[in-house]
Amino acid sequence: MLAGCAVLNRDAIMYHSFSYPVPSRSAPAAVPETLMIYRFLLGSAVDSDYLMVTGPETKEQAVSAHRWSRSPADMITDLIERDLSGARIFDQTIGQFSNARYRYALEGQVLQMKGVRKGDKAAALIEVRAVLTDFGVPLGTDKTILKKTYRIEVESKDAGPAAIVEALNRGVRQLSHELREDIAAAVRGKAEPVRQREQKASPVALRVPESVG
């Protein structure tokens, strides 16, 4: 299902969530290490409750009748964790609250997530910053092996809110695919087993620009 999920309550408010089929395994062989995925954060420009839409001559506005069933950052985190686990890039992919030891850690922030109307047409815009850290590198070596901002724009079939949500859903799927490809490339050649260290500290907070266009 590429259109995500939607639930209509008695007040005619539509609650949306992201949903699409589990991708097929893409890695030829799993890296014999564990990846920890921290919960992605929301940037100040992203609304945690409402679908946001902007136009060429209008400011960003909330569509009150179309809301998120959960925080968009949590939904994106869950799908990325599911997809990375299924892709078997690593021996094990775990969530933030696991007590397992790990070598790699993925953090992210959702900087933008909205519909952009252009006359009678529209597109979905998603911008996510992701950082992959390797705690197995020698001391004094930069632990950041991937740092990238993904900006994905997906055309919507029309300018209506439901169509924009469906386009955002496709954008999340594309984001997950691109992230998996980049992570697989980043850890290629780094698969030598090392003594894993249990990471207890909180992830380093990524800075979000005060104003995101």
N, C-alpha and C. Protein backbone atom coordinates (compact mmCIF):
# COMPACT_ATOMS: atom_id res chain seq x y z
N MET A 1 0.86 -1.19 0.00
CA MET A 1 0.00 0.00 0.00
C MET A 1 0.89 1.24 0.00
N LEU A 2 0.80 2.03 -1.07
CA LEU A 2 1.68 3.18 -1.22
C LEU A 2 1.04 4.46 -0.71
N ALA A 3 -0.24 4.45 -0.45
CA ALA A 3 -0.92 5.69 -0.08
C ALA A 3 -0.93 5.94 1.42
N GLY A 4 -0.30 5.07 2.20
CA GLY A 4 -0.32 5.24 3.63
C GLY A 4 -1.66 4.81 4.20
N CYS A 5 -1.90 5.16 5.45
CA CYS A 5 -3.16 4.82 6.12
C CYS A 5 -3.86 6.09 6.57
N ALA A 6 -5.19 6.07 6.57
CA ALA A 6 -5.95 7.23 7.01
C ALA A 6 -7.17 6.75 7.78
N VAL A 7 -7.50 7.46 8.85
CA VAL A 7 -8.66 7.16 9.67
C VAL A 7 -9.48 8.43 9.81
N LEU A 8 -10.77 8.34 9.50
CA LEU A 8 -11.68 9.49 9.59
C LEU A 8 -12.52 9.36 10.86
N ASN A 9 -12.46 10.41 11.70
CA ASN A 9 -13.27 10.35 12.92
C ASN A 9 -14.60 11.06 12.70
N ARG A 10 -15.43 11.10 13.73
CA ARG A 10 -16.78 11.64 13.59
C ARG A 10 -16.80 13.15 13.37
N ASP A 11 -15.67 13.82 13.63
CA ASP A 11 -15.58 15.26 13.40
C ASP A 11 -15.04 15.58 12.01
N ALA A 12 -15.00 14.55 11.15
CA ALA A 12 -14.52 14.70 9.77
C ALA A 12 -13.06 15.12 9.71
N ILE A 13 -12.28 14.69 10.70
CA ILE A 13 -10.84 14.93 10.70
C ILE A 13 -10.15 13.63 10.26
N MET A 14 -9.28 13.74 9.27
CA MET A 14 -8.58 12.59 8.73
C MET A 14 -7.20 12.49 9.39
N TYR A 15 -6.95 11.33 10.02
CA TYR A 15 -5.65 11.09 10.65
C TYR A 15 -4.83 10.17 9.75
N HIS A 16 -3.62 10.61 9.40
CA HIS A 16 -2.80 9.90 8.43
C HIS A 16 -1.56 9.27 9.09
N SER A 17 -1.12 8.18 8.51
CA SER A 17 0.15 7.57 8.89
C SER A 17 0.84 7.08 7.63
N PHE A 18 2.14 6.90 7.69
CA PHE A 18 2.90 6.42 6.54
C PHE A 18 2.93 4.90 6.54
N SER A 19 2.80 4.32 5.34
CA SER A 19 2.81 2.87 5.22
C SER A 19 3.12 2.48 3.77
N TYR A 20 3.99 1.49 3.60
CA TYR A 20 4.30 0.94 2.28
C TYR A 20 4.90 -0.44 2.47
N PRO A 21 4.94 -1.27 1.42
CA PRO A 21 5.43 -2.65 1.57
C PRO A 21 6.89 -2.71 2.03
N VAL A 22 7.22 -3.77 2.71
CA VAL A 22 8.60 -4.00 3.14
C VAL A 22 9.47 -4.22 1.91
N PRO A 23 10.57 -3.48 1.75
CA PRO A 23 11.43 -3.68 0.57
C PRO A 23 12.17 -5.01 0.65
N SER A 24 12.59 -5.50 -0.50
CA SER A 24 13.34 -6.75 -0.54
C SER A 24 14.75 -6.53 -0.04
N ARG A 25 15.40 -7.61 0.36
CA ARG A 25 16.76 -7.52 0.86
C ARG A 25 17.68 -7.03 -0.25
N SER A 26 18.54 -6.06 0.07
CA SER A 26 19.39 -5.45 -0.95
C SER A 26 20.87 -5.75 -0.76
N ALA A 27 21.29 -6.06 0.46
CA ALA A 27 22.71 -6.27 0.73
C ALA A 27 23.10 -7.71 0.39
N PRO A 28 24.23 -7.91 -0.32
CA PRO A 28 24.65 -9.27 -0.65
C PRO A 28 25.04 -10.09 0.58
N ALA A 29 25.58 -9.45 1.58
CA ALA A 29 25.97 -10.14 2.81
C ALA A 29 25.96 -9.12 3.95
N ALA A 30 25.45 -9.54 5.09
CA ALA A 30 25.34 -8.63 6.22
C ALA A 30 26.71 -8.32 6.81
N VAL A 31 26.90 -7.05 7.18
CA VAL A 31 28.10 -6.66 7.93
C VAL A 31 27.97 -7.28 9.33
N PRO A 32 29.00 -7.97 9.82
CA PRO A 32 28.89 -8.65 11.12
C PRO A 32 28.97 -7.70 12.31
N GLU A 33 28.09 -6.70 12.30
CA GLU A 33 28.04 -5.70 13.36
C GLU A 33 26.58 -5.35 13.65
N THR A 34 26.39 -4.54 14.68
CA THR A 34 25.05 -4.10 15.07
C THR A 34 24.90 -2.60 14.83
N LEU A 35 23.74 -2.21 14.30
CA LEU A 35 23.40 -0.81 14.08
C LEU A 35 22.33 -0.40 15.08
N MET A 36 22.58 0.70 15.79
CA MET A 36 21.58 1.31 16.68
C MET A 36 20.95 2.49 15.95
N ILE A 37 19.61 2.55 15.93
CA ILE A 37 18.91 3.67 15.32
C ILE A 37 18.26 4.50 16.42
N TYR A 38 18.74 5.72 16.59
CA TYR A 38 18.12 6.63 17.54
C TYR A 38 16.83 7.20 16.94
N ARG A 39 15.88 7.54 17.81
CA ARG A 39 14.64 8.16 17.35
C ARG A 39 14.97 9.46 16.63
N PHE A 40 14.47 9.63 15.42
CA PHE A 40 14.69 10.86 14.68
C PHE A 40 13.98 12.01 15.39
N LEU A 41 14.53 13.19 15.24
CA LEU A 41 13.99 14.39 15.87
C LEU A 41 13.23 15.23 14.86
N LEU A 42 12.37 16.09 15.35
CA LEU A 42 11.64 17.03 14.50
C LEU A 42 12.31 18.39 14.54
N GLY A 43 12.54 18.98 13.38
CA GLY A 43 13.04 20.34 13.32
C GLY A 43 11.92 21.32 13.65
N SER A 44 12.31 22.53 13.96
CA SER A 44 11.33 23.54 14.38
C SER A 44 10.35 23.90 13.26
N ALA A 45 10.71 23.61 12.00
CA ALA A 45 9.85 23.96 10.88
C ALA A 45 8.80 22.89 10.59
N VAL A 46 8.82 21.78 11.32
CA VAL A 46 7.91 20.67 11.05
C VAL A 46 6.85 20.61 12.15
N ASP A 47 5.59 20.56 11.74
CA ASP A 47 4.49 20.46 12.69
C ASP A 47 4.25 18.99 13.02
N SER A 48 4.14 18.68 14.29
CA SER A 48 3.98 17.30 14.71
C SER A 48 2.54 16.81 14.62
N ASP A 49 1.60 17.72 14.38
CA ASP A 49 0.17 17.36 14.40
C ASP A 49 -0.52 17.50 13.05
N TYR A 50 -0.25 18.57 12.32
CA TYR A 50 -1.02 18.89 11.13
C TYR A 50 -0.20 18.75 9.85
N LEU A 51 -0.90 18.43 8.77
CA LEU A 51 -0.31 18.55 7.44
C LEU A 51 -0.08 20.02 7.15
N MET A 52 1.12 20.36 6.72
CA MET A 52 1.44 21.74 6.40
C MET A 52 1.57 21.88 4.89
N VAL A 53 0.99 22.99 4.37
CA VAL A 53 1.00 23.24 2.93
C VAL A 53 1.34 24.70 2.70
N THR A 54 2.14 24.94 1.68
CA THR A 54 2.49 26.32 1.32
C THR A 54 2.28 26.50 -0.18
N GLY A 55 2.19 27.76 -0.60
CA GLY A 55 2.02 28.08 -2.02
C GLY A 55 2.98 29.17 -2.43
N PRO A 56 3.01 29.50 -3.73
CA PRO A 56 3.96 30.51 -4.21
C PRO A 56 3.73 31.89 -3.61
N GLU A 57 2.49 32.18 -3.23
CA GLU A 57 2.19 33.51 -2.68
C GLU A 57 1.56 33.43 -1.29
N THR A 58 1.64 32.29 -0.65
CA THR A 58 1.04 32.12 0.68
C THR A 58 2.06 31.57 1.65
N LYS A 59 1.90 31.95 2.90
CA LYS A 59 2.75 31.39 3.94
C LYS A 59 2.33 29.95 4.23
N GLU A 60 3.20 29.24 4.91
CA GLU A 60 2.89 27.87 5.28
C GLU A 60 1.68 27.84 6.19
N GLN A 61 0.72 26.98 5.87
CA GLN A 61 -0.51 26.90 6.64
C GLN A 61 -0.80 25.46 7.03
N ALA A 62 -1.44 25.29 8.20
CA ALA A 62 -1.84 23.97 8.66
C ALA A 62 -3.20 23.63 8.07
N VAL A 63 -3.33 22.39 7.60
CA VAL A 63 -4.62 21.90 7.11
C VAL A 63 -5.27 21.17 8.27
N SER A 64 -6.19 21.84 8.96
CA SER A 64 -6.69 21.34 10.24
C SER A 64 -7.47 20.04 10.11
N ALA A 65 -8.05 19.76 8.94
CA ALA A 65 -8.82 18.54 8.76
C ALA A 65 -7.95 17.33 8.42
N HIS A 66 -6.64 17.54 8.24
CA HIS A 66 -5.71 16.45 7.91
C HIS A 66 -4.55 16.49 8.90
N ARG A 67 -4.52 15.49 9.76
CA ARG A 67 -3.55 15.46 10.85
C ARG A 67 -2.78 14.16 10.85
N TRP A 68 -1.66 14.15 11.58
CA TRP A 68 -0.84 12.95 11.71
C TRP A 68 -1.30 12.12 12.88
N SER A 69 -1.35 10.82 12.70
CA SER A 69 -1.76 9.92 13.77
C SER A 69 -0.70 9.84 14.87
N ARG A 70 0.56 10.04 14.48
CA ARG A 70 1.69 10.09 15.42
C ARG A 70 2.68 11.11 14.93
N SER A 71 3.69 11.37 15.71
CA SER A 71 4.74 12.28 15.26
C SER A 71 5.36 11.78 13.96
N PRO A 72 5.47 12.64 12.93
CA PRO A 72 6.08 12.21 11.68
C PRO A 72 7.49 11.65 11.87
N ALA A 73 8.24 12.21 12.81
CA ALA A 73 9.60 11.71 13.05
C ALA A 73 9.57 10.27 13.55
N ASP A 74 8.61 9.96 14.43
CA ASP A 74 8.50 8.59 14.94
C ASP A 74 8.10 7.62 13.83
N MET A 75 7.18 8.03 12.97
CA MET A 75 6.76 7.16 11.88
C MET A 75 7.92 6.90 10.92
N ILE A 76 8.68 7.94 10.61
CA ILE A 76 9.82 7.78 9.72
C ILE A 76 10.87 6.88 10.35
N THR A 77 11.14 7.09 11.65
CA THR A 77 12.13 6.25 12.35
C THR A 77 11.73 4.78 12.29
N ASP A 78 10.47 4.49 12.57
CA ASP A 78 10.00 3.11 12.59
C ASP A 78 10.15 2.45 11.22
N LEU A 79 9.83 3.18 10.15
CA LEU A 79 9.93 2.61 8.82
C LEU A 79 11.38 2.40 8.40
N ILE A 80 12.25 3.34 8.73
CA ILE A 80 13.67 3.19 8.40
C ILE A 80 14.27 2.02 9.17
N GLU A 81 13.91 1.89 10.45
CA GLU A 81 14.41 0.75 11.23
C GLU A 81 13.92 -0.57 10.64
N ARG A 82 12.63 -0.63 10.29
CA ARG A 82 12.08 -1.84 9.69
C ARG A 82 12.79 -2.18 8.38
N ASP A 83 12.99 -1.16 7.53
CA ASP A 83 13.59 -1.39 6.22
C ASP A 83 15.05 -1.80 6.32
N LEU A 84 15.81 -1.17 7.22
CA LEU A 84 17.21 -1.53 7.40
C LEU A 84 17.34 -2.94 7.97
N SER A 85 16.45 -3.28 8.88
CA SER A 85 16.48 -4.63 9.44
C SER A 85 16.20 -5.67 8.36
N GLY A 86 15.20 -5.40 7.52
CA GLY A 86 14.84 -6.33 6.46
C GLY A 86 15.89 -6.42 5.37
N ALA A 87 16.60 -5.32 5.13
CA ALA A 87 17.63 -5.31 4.09
C ALA A 87 18.85 -6.13 4.49
N ARG A 88 19.02 -6.39 5.79
CA ARG A 88 20.13 -7.20 6.31
C ARG A 88 21.49 -6.62 5.91
N ILE A 89 21.60 -5.30 5.98
CA ILE A 89 22.91 -4.69 5.77
C ILE A 89 23.81 -5.02 6.95
N PHE A 90 23.22 -5.12 8.14
CA PHE A 90 23.94 -5.48 9.36
C PHE A 90 23.40 -6.79 9.91
N ASP A 91 24.21 -7.44 10.73
CA ASP A 91 23.75 -8.65 11.40
C ASP A 91 22.51 -8.37 12.23
N GLN A 92 22.51 -7.19 12.86
CA GLN A 92 21.39 -6.84 13.74
C GLN A 92 21.16 -5.34 13.66
N THR A 93 19.89 -4.95 13.60
CA THR A 93 19.49 -3.55 13.64
C THR A 93 18.56 -3.37 14.83
N ILE A 94 18.90 -2.46 15.74
CA ILE A 94 18.15 -2.33 16.99
C ILE A 94 17.68 -0.89 17.17
N GLY A 95 16.68 -0.73 18.03
CA GLY A 95 16.17 0.59 18.35
C GLY A 95 16.87 1.22 19.52
N GLN A 96 16.56 2.47 19.77
CA GLN A 96 17.26 3.28 20.77
C GLN A 96 17.18 2.71 22.17
N PHE A 97 16.12 2.02 22.50
CA PHE A 97 15.93 1.57 23.88
C PHE A 97 16.45 0.16 24.13
N SER A 98 17.15 -0.39 23.16
CA SER A 98 17.77 -1.71 23.34
C SER A 98 19.01 -1.59 24.21
N ASN A 99 19.30 -2.63 24.98
CA ASN A 99 20.50 -2.66 25.81
C ASN A 99 21.65 -3.39 25.11
N ALA A 100 21.46 -3.81 23.88
CA ALA A 100 22.49 -4.55 23.16
C ALA A 100 23.67 -3.64 22.83
N ARG A 101 24.83 -4.22 22.70
CA ARG A 101 26.01 -3.46 22.29
C ARG A 101 25.99 -3.26 20.79
N TYR A 102 26.62 -2.18 20.33
CA TYR A 102 26.59 -1.88 18.92
C TYR A 102 27.83 -1.11 18.52
N ARG A 103 28.14 -1.19 17.23
CA ARG A 103 29.28 -0.44 16.68
C ARG A 103 28.83 0.82 15.96
N TYR A 104 27.72 0.72 15.23
CA TYR A 104 27.24 1.83 14.41
C TYR A 104 25.99 2.46 15.02
N ALA A 105 25.83 3.77 14.82
CA ALA A 105 24.64 4.48 15.30
C ALA A 105 24.16 5.44 14.23
N LEU A 106 22.84 5.45 14.02
CA LEU A 106 22.22 6.34 13.04
C LEU A 106 21.34 7.35 13.78
N GLU A 107 21.54 8.63 13.49
CA GLU A 107 20.71 9.71 14.03
C GLU A 107 20.13 10.51 12.88
N GLY A 108 19.03 11.19 13.12
CA GLY A 108 18.46 12.00 12.06
C GLY A 108 17.52 13.07 12.58
N GLN A 109 17.28 14.06 11.77
CA GLN A 109 16.30 15.11 12.06
C GLN A 109 15.48 15.39 10.81
N VAL A 110 14.19 15.53 11.00
CA VAL A 110 13.29 15.90 9.91
C VAL A 110 13.23 17.42 9.87
N LEU A 111 13.83 18.02 8.86
CA LEU A 111 13.94 19.47 8.77
C LEU A 111 12.73 20.10 8.07
N GLN A 112 12.20 19.41 7.08
CA GLN A 112 11.02 19.90 6.37
C GLN A 112 10.14 18.71 6.00
N MET A 113 8.84 18.91 6.05
CA MET A 113 7.89 17.91 5.57
C MET A 113 6.57 18.63 5.32
N LYS A 114 6.27 18.89 4.06
CA LYS A 114 5.09 19.69 3.75
C LYS A 114 4.69 19.50 2.30
N GLY A 115 3.52 20.03 1.98
CA GLY A 115 3.08 20.10 0.60
C GLY A 115 3.40 21.47 0.04
N VAL A 116 3.77 21.50 -1.24
CA VAL A 116 4.08 22.77 -1.91
C VAL A 116 3.16 22.89 -3.11
N ARG A 117 2.22 23.84 -3.06
CA ARG A 117 1.26 24.03 -4.14
C ARG A 117 1.82 25.01 -5.17
N LYS A 118 1.60 24.65 -6.44
CA LYS A 118 2.03 25.49 -7.55
C LYS A 118 0.85 25.59 -8.52
N GLY A 119 -0.05 26.52 -8.27
CA GLY A 119 -1.26 26.62 -9.07
C GLY A 119 -2.18 25.45 -8.76
N ASP A 120 -2.59 24.72 -9.82
CA ASP A 120 -3.45 23.56 -9.61
C ASP A 120 -2.64 22.28 -9.43
N LYS A 121 -1.33 22.42 -9.31
CA LYS A 121 -0.45 21.28 -9.09
C LYS A 121 0.20 21.41 -7.71
N ALA A 122 0.79 20.30 -7.26
CA ALA A 122 1.45 20.31 -5.95
C ALA A 122 2.52 19.23 -5.90
N ALA A 123 3.37 19.34 -4.91
CA ALA A 123 4.42 18.35 -4.68
C ALA A 123 4.62 18.20 -3.19
N ALA A 124 5.15 17.07 -2.81
CA ALA A 124 5.50 16.82 -1.42
C ALA A 124 7.00 17.05 -1.25
N LEU A 125 7.36 17.74 -0.18
CA LEU A 125 8.76 18.04 0.09
C LEU A 125 9.15 17.45 1.44
N ILE A 126 10.20 16.66 1.43
CA ILE A 126 10.76 16.09 2.65
C ILE A 126 12.25 16.39 2.68
N GLU A 127 12.72 16.90 3.80
CA GLU A 127 14.15 17.17 3.98
C GLU A 127 14.59 16.58 5.32
N VAL A 128 15.54 15.68 5.26
CA VAL A 128 16.00 14.97 6.46
C VAL A 128 17.52 14.98 6.49
N ARG A 129 18.05 15.32 7.65
CA ARG A 129 19.50 15.25 7.85
C ARG A 129 19.81 13.98 8.63
N ALA A 130 20.77 13.19 8.13
CA ALA A 130 21.13 11.91 8.76
C ALA A 130 22.63 11.85 9.01
N VAL A 131 23.00 11.24 10.13
CA VAL A 131 24.40 11.06 10.50
C VAL A 131 24.61 9.61 10.93
N LEU A 132 25.60 8.96 10.34
CA LEU A 132 25.97 7.59 10.72
C LEU A 132 27.34 7.63 11.38
N THR A 133 27.41 7.08 12.60
CA THR A 133 28.64 7.10 13.39
C THR A 133 29.18 5.69 13.54
N ASP A 134 30.50 5.56 13.42
CA ASP A 134 31.19 4.28 13.61
C ASP A 134 32.06 4.39 14.86
N PHE A 135 31.63 3.70 15.94
CA PHE A 135 32.37 3.75 17.19
C PHE A 135 33.53 2.75 17.23
N GLY A 136 33.73 2.04 16.11
CA GLY A 136 34.81 1.06 16.07
C GLY A 136 36.09 1.57 15.44
N VAL A 137 36.12 2.82 15.01
CA VAL A 137 37.32 3.35 14.38
C VAL A 137 38.38 3.63 15.44
N PRO A 138 39.67 3.66 15.06
CA PRO A 138 40.72 3.94 16.03
C PRO A 138 40.54 5.30 16.71
N LEU A 139 41.05 5.42 17.93
CA LEU A 139 40.98 6.68 18.65
C LEU A 139 41.66 7.78 17.85
N GLY A 140 41.07 8.95 17.86
CA GLY A 140 41.61 10.08 17.13
C GLY A 140 41.11 10.16 15.70
N THR A 141 40.34 9.17 15.27
CA THR A 141 39.80 9.15 13.91
C THR A 141 38.37 9.67 13.92
N ASP A 142 38.00 10.39 12.89
CA ASP A 142 36.63 10.90 12.79
C ASP A 142 35.66 9.73 12.75
N LYS A 143 34.72 9.71 13.68
CA LYS A 143 33.76 8.61 13.77
C LYS A 143 32.59 8.76 12.81
N THR A 144 32.41 9.95 12.26
CA THR A 144 31.30 10.19 11.35
C THR A 144 31.65 9.66 9.96
N ILE A 145 30.93 8.65 9.50
CA ILE A 145 31.23 8.07 8.19
C ILE A 145 30.15 8.43 7.15
N LEU A 146 29.07 9.02 7.60
CA LEU A 146 28.05 9.50 6.68
C LEU A 146 27.34 10.67 7.33
N LYS A 147 27.29 11.79 6.62
CA LYS A 147 26.56 12.97 7.08
C LYS A 147 25.96 13.61 5.84
N LYS A 148 24.65 13.56 5.73
CA LYS A 148 24.03 14.00 4.48
C LYS A 148 22.63 14.54 4.76
N THR A 149 22.26 15.58 4.02
CA THR A 149 20.90 16.10 4.06
C THR A 149 20.17 15.64 2.81
N TYR A 150 19.09 14.92 3.00
CA TYR A 150 18.30 14.39 1.90
C TYR A 150 17.13 15.34 1.64
N ARG A 151 17.05 15.83 0.43
CA ARG A 151 15.95 16.70 0.05
C ARG A 151 15.18 16.01 -1.08
N ILE A 152 13.99 15.58 -0.79
CA ILE A 152 13.21 14.77 -1.73
C ILE A 152 11.91 15.49 -2.05
N GLU A 153 11.67 15.67 -3.34
CA GLU A 153 10.44 16.31 -3.79
C GLU A 153 9.71 15.33 -4.71
N VAL A 154 8.45 15.03 -4.38
CA VAL A 154 7.66 14.05 -5.12
C VAL A 154 6.40 14.74 -5.62
N GLU A 155 6.14 14.60 -6.90
CA GLU A 155 4.95 15.23 -7.49
C GLU A 155 3.68 14.58 -6.96
N SER A 156 2.71 15.41 -6.65
CA SER A 156 1.40 14.94 -6.21
C SER A 156 0.45 14.86 -7.40
N LYS A 157 -0.50 13.92 -7.35
CA LYS A 157 -1.43 13.77 -8.49
C LYS A 157 -2.36 14.96 -8.62
N ASP A 158 -2.61 15.67 -7.52
CA ASP A 158 -3.36 16.93 -7.56
C ASP A 158 -2.98 17.74 -6.33
N ALA A 159 -3.64 18.89 -6.16
CA ALA A 159 -3.27 19.80 -5.08
C ALA A 159 -4.07 19.59 -3.81
N GLY A 160 -4.88 18.53 -3.76
CA GLY A 160 -5.67 18.26 -2.57
C GLY A 160 -4.84 17.69 -1.44
N PRO A 161 -5.28 17.88 -0.20
CA PRO A 161 -4.50 17.40 0.96
C PRO A 161 -4.25 15.89 0.95
N ALA A 162 -5.25 15.10 0.59
CA ALA A 162 -5.08 13.64 0.58
C ALA A 162 -4.02 13.23 -0.43
N ALA A 163 -4.01 13.87 -1.59
CA ALA A 163 -3.01 13.55 -2.61
C ALA A 163 -1.61 13.97 -2.16
N ILE A 164 -1.51 15.07 -1.45
CA ILE A 164 -0.21 15.52 -0.93
C ILE A 164 0.31 14.53 0.10
N VAL A 165 -0.57 14.04 0.98
CA VAL A 165 -0.15 13.03 1.97
C VAL A 165 0.35 11.77 1.27
N GLU A 166 -0.34 11.35 0.21
CA GLU A 166 0.09 10.17 -0.54
C GLU A 166 1.47 10.39 -1.16
N ALA A 167 1.71 11.61 -1.65
CA ALA A 167 3.03 11.93 -2.21
C ALA A 167 4.10 11.95 -1.11
N LEU A 168 3.75 12.46 0.07
CA LEU A 168 4.69 12.41 1.19
C LEU A 168 5.04 10.98 1.55
N ASN A 169 4.05 10.11 1.49
CA ASN A 169 4.29 8.70 1.77
C ASN A 169 5.31 8.11 0.80
N ARG A 170 5.17 8.46 -0.49
CA ARG A 170 6.15 8.00 -1.48
C ARG A 170 7.52 8.62 -1.23
N GLY A 171 7.51 9.85 -0.74
CA GLY A 171 8.78 10.50 -0.41
C GLY A 171 9.50 9.81 0.72
N VAL A 172 8.76 9.37 1.75
CA VAL A 172 9.37 8.64 2.86
C VAL A 172 9.96 7.33 2.36
N ARG A 173 9.25 6.67 1.46
CA ARG A 173 9.77 5.42 0.89
C ARG A 173 11.07 5.67 0.12
N GLN A 174 11.11 6.75 -0.66
CA GLN A 174 12.32 7.09 -1.41
C GLN A 174 13.45 7.45 -0.46
N LEU A 175 13.14 8.19 0.61
CA LEU A 175 14.15 8.54 1.61
C LEU A 175 14.77 7.27 2.20
N SER A 176 13.94 6.33 2.59
CA SER A 176 14.44 5.09 3.18
C SER A 176 15.35 4.36 2.20
N HIS A 177 14.96 4.32 0.93
CA HIS A 177 15.77 3.64 -0.08
C HIS A 177 17.13 4.31 -0.24
N GLU A 178 17.14 5.62 -0.38
CA GLU A 178 18.40 6.34 -0.57
C GLU A 178 19.30 6.20 0.65
N LEU A 179 18.70 6.24 1.84
CA LEU A 179 19.48 6.11 3.06
C LEU A 179 20.11 4.72 3.16
N ARG A 180 19.34 3.69 2.83
CA ARG A 180 19.89 2.33 2.86
C ARG A 180 21.07 2.19 1.90
N GLU A 181 20.92 2.75 0.70
CA GLU A 181 22.00 2.67 -0.29
C GLU A 181 23.26 3.37 0.22
N ASP A 182 23.09 4.53 0.81
CA ASP A 182 24.25 5.29 1.29
C ASP A 182 24.90 4.61 2.50
N ILE A 183 24.09 4.05 3.39
CA ILE A 183 24.65 3.35 4.55
C ILE A 183 25.43 2.12 4.12
N ALA A 184 24.87 1.36 3.18
CA ALA A 184 25.57 0.18 2.68
C ALA A 184 26.92 0.56 2.07
N ALA A 185 26.94 1.66 1.32
CA ALA A 185 28.19 2.12 0.71
C ALA A 185 29.18 2.60 1.77
N ALA A 186 28.67 3.26 2.82
CA ALA A 186 29.54 3.82 3.85
C ALA A 186 30.24 2.74 4.67
N VAL A 187 29.56 1.62 4.91
CA VAL A 187 30.15 0.57 5.75
C VAL A 187 30.89 -0.48 4.93
N ARG A 188 30.81 -0.38 3.62
CA ARG A 188 31.53 -1.33 2.78
C ARG A 188 33.03 -1.19 3.02
N GLY A 189 33.71 -2.27 3.32
CA GLY A 189 35.13 -2.22 3.62
C GLY A 189 35.42 -1.96 5.08
N LYS A 190 34.37 -1.74 5.89
CA LYS A 190 34.54 -1.50 7.32
C LYS A 190 33.96 -2.66 8.13
N ALA A 191 33.85 -3.81 7.52
CA ALA A 191 33.16 -4.93 8.16
C ALA A 191 34.04 -5.76 9.08
N GLU A 192 35.32 -5.37 9.26
CA GLU A 192 36.19 -6.14 10.13
C GLU A 192 35.64 -6.12 11.55
N PRO A 193 35.45 -7.29 12.18
CA PRO A 193 34.93 -7.30 13.55
C PRO A 193 35.84 -6.55 14.50
N VAL A 194 35.24 -5.75 15.35
CA VAL A 194 35.99 -5.05 16.38
C VAL A 194 35.28 -5.29 17.69
N ARG A 195 35.97 -5.00 18.79
CA ARG A 195 35.34 -5.13 20.10
C ARG A 195 34.33 -4.02 20.24
N GLN A 196 33.06 -4.39 20.34
CA GLN A 196 32.01 -3.40 20.46
C GLN A 196 31.96 -2.85 21.87
N ARG A 197 31.64 -1.58 21.96
CA ARG A 197 31.54 -0.94 23.26
C ARG A 197 30.11 -0.53 23.50
N GLU A 198 29.64 -0.77 24.68
CA GLU A 198 28.27 -0.41 25.01
C GLU A 198 28.18 1.10 25.11
N GLN A 199 27.28 1.69 24.32
CA GLN A 199 27.13 3.13 24.28
C GLN A 199 26.00 3.55 25.21
N LYS A 200 26.33 4.26 26.26
CA LYS A 200 25.33 4.68 27.24
C LYS A 200 24.94 6.15 27.08
N ALA A 201 25.85 6.94 26.48
CA ALA A 201 25.60 8.38 26.39
C ALA A 201 24.49 8.67 25.40
N SER A 202 23.83 9.78 25.58
CA SER A 202 22.80 10.21 24.65
C SER A 202 23.47 10.63 23.35
N PRO A 203 22.75 10.52 22.21
CA PRO A 203 23.33 10.93 20.94
C PRO A 203 23.59 12.43 20.93
N VAL A 204 24.59 12.82 20.14
CA VAL A 204 24.89 14.24 20.02
C VAL A 204 23.75 14.90 19.28
N ALA A 205 23.24 15.98 19.83
CA ALA A 205 22.11 16.67 19.22
C ALA A 205 22.54 17.35 17.95
N LEU A 206 21.78 17.17 16.89
CA LEU A 206 22.04 17.87 15.64
C LEU A 206 21.38 19.23 15.71
N ARG A 207 22.05 20.19 15.19
CA ARG A 207 21.50 21.54 15.22
C ARG A 207 20.58 21.74 14.02
N VAL A 208 19.42 22.31 14.30
CA VAL A 208 18.47 22.66 13.23
C VAL A 208 18.53 24.14 13.00
N PRO A 209 18.63 24.55 11.74
CA PRO A 209 18.66 26.00 11.47
C PRO A 209 17.42 26.66 12.06
N GLU A 210 17.59 27.87 12.54
CA GLU A 210 16.47 28.60 13.12
C GLU A 210 15.37 28.84 12.07
N SER A 211 15.76 28.99 10.85
CA SER A 211 14.77 29.21 9.79
C SER A 211 15.09 28.30 8.63
N VAL A 212 14.14 27.43 8.31
CA VAL A 212 14.32 26.53 7.19
C VAL A 212 13.36 26.96 6.09
N GLY A 213 13.87 27.17 4.93
CA GLY A 213 13.02 27.69 3.87
C GLY A 213 12.04 26.70 3.34
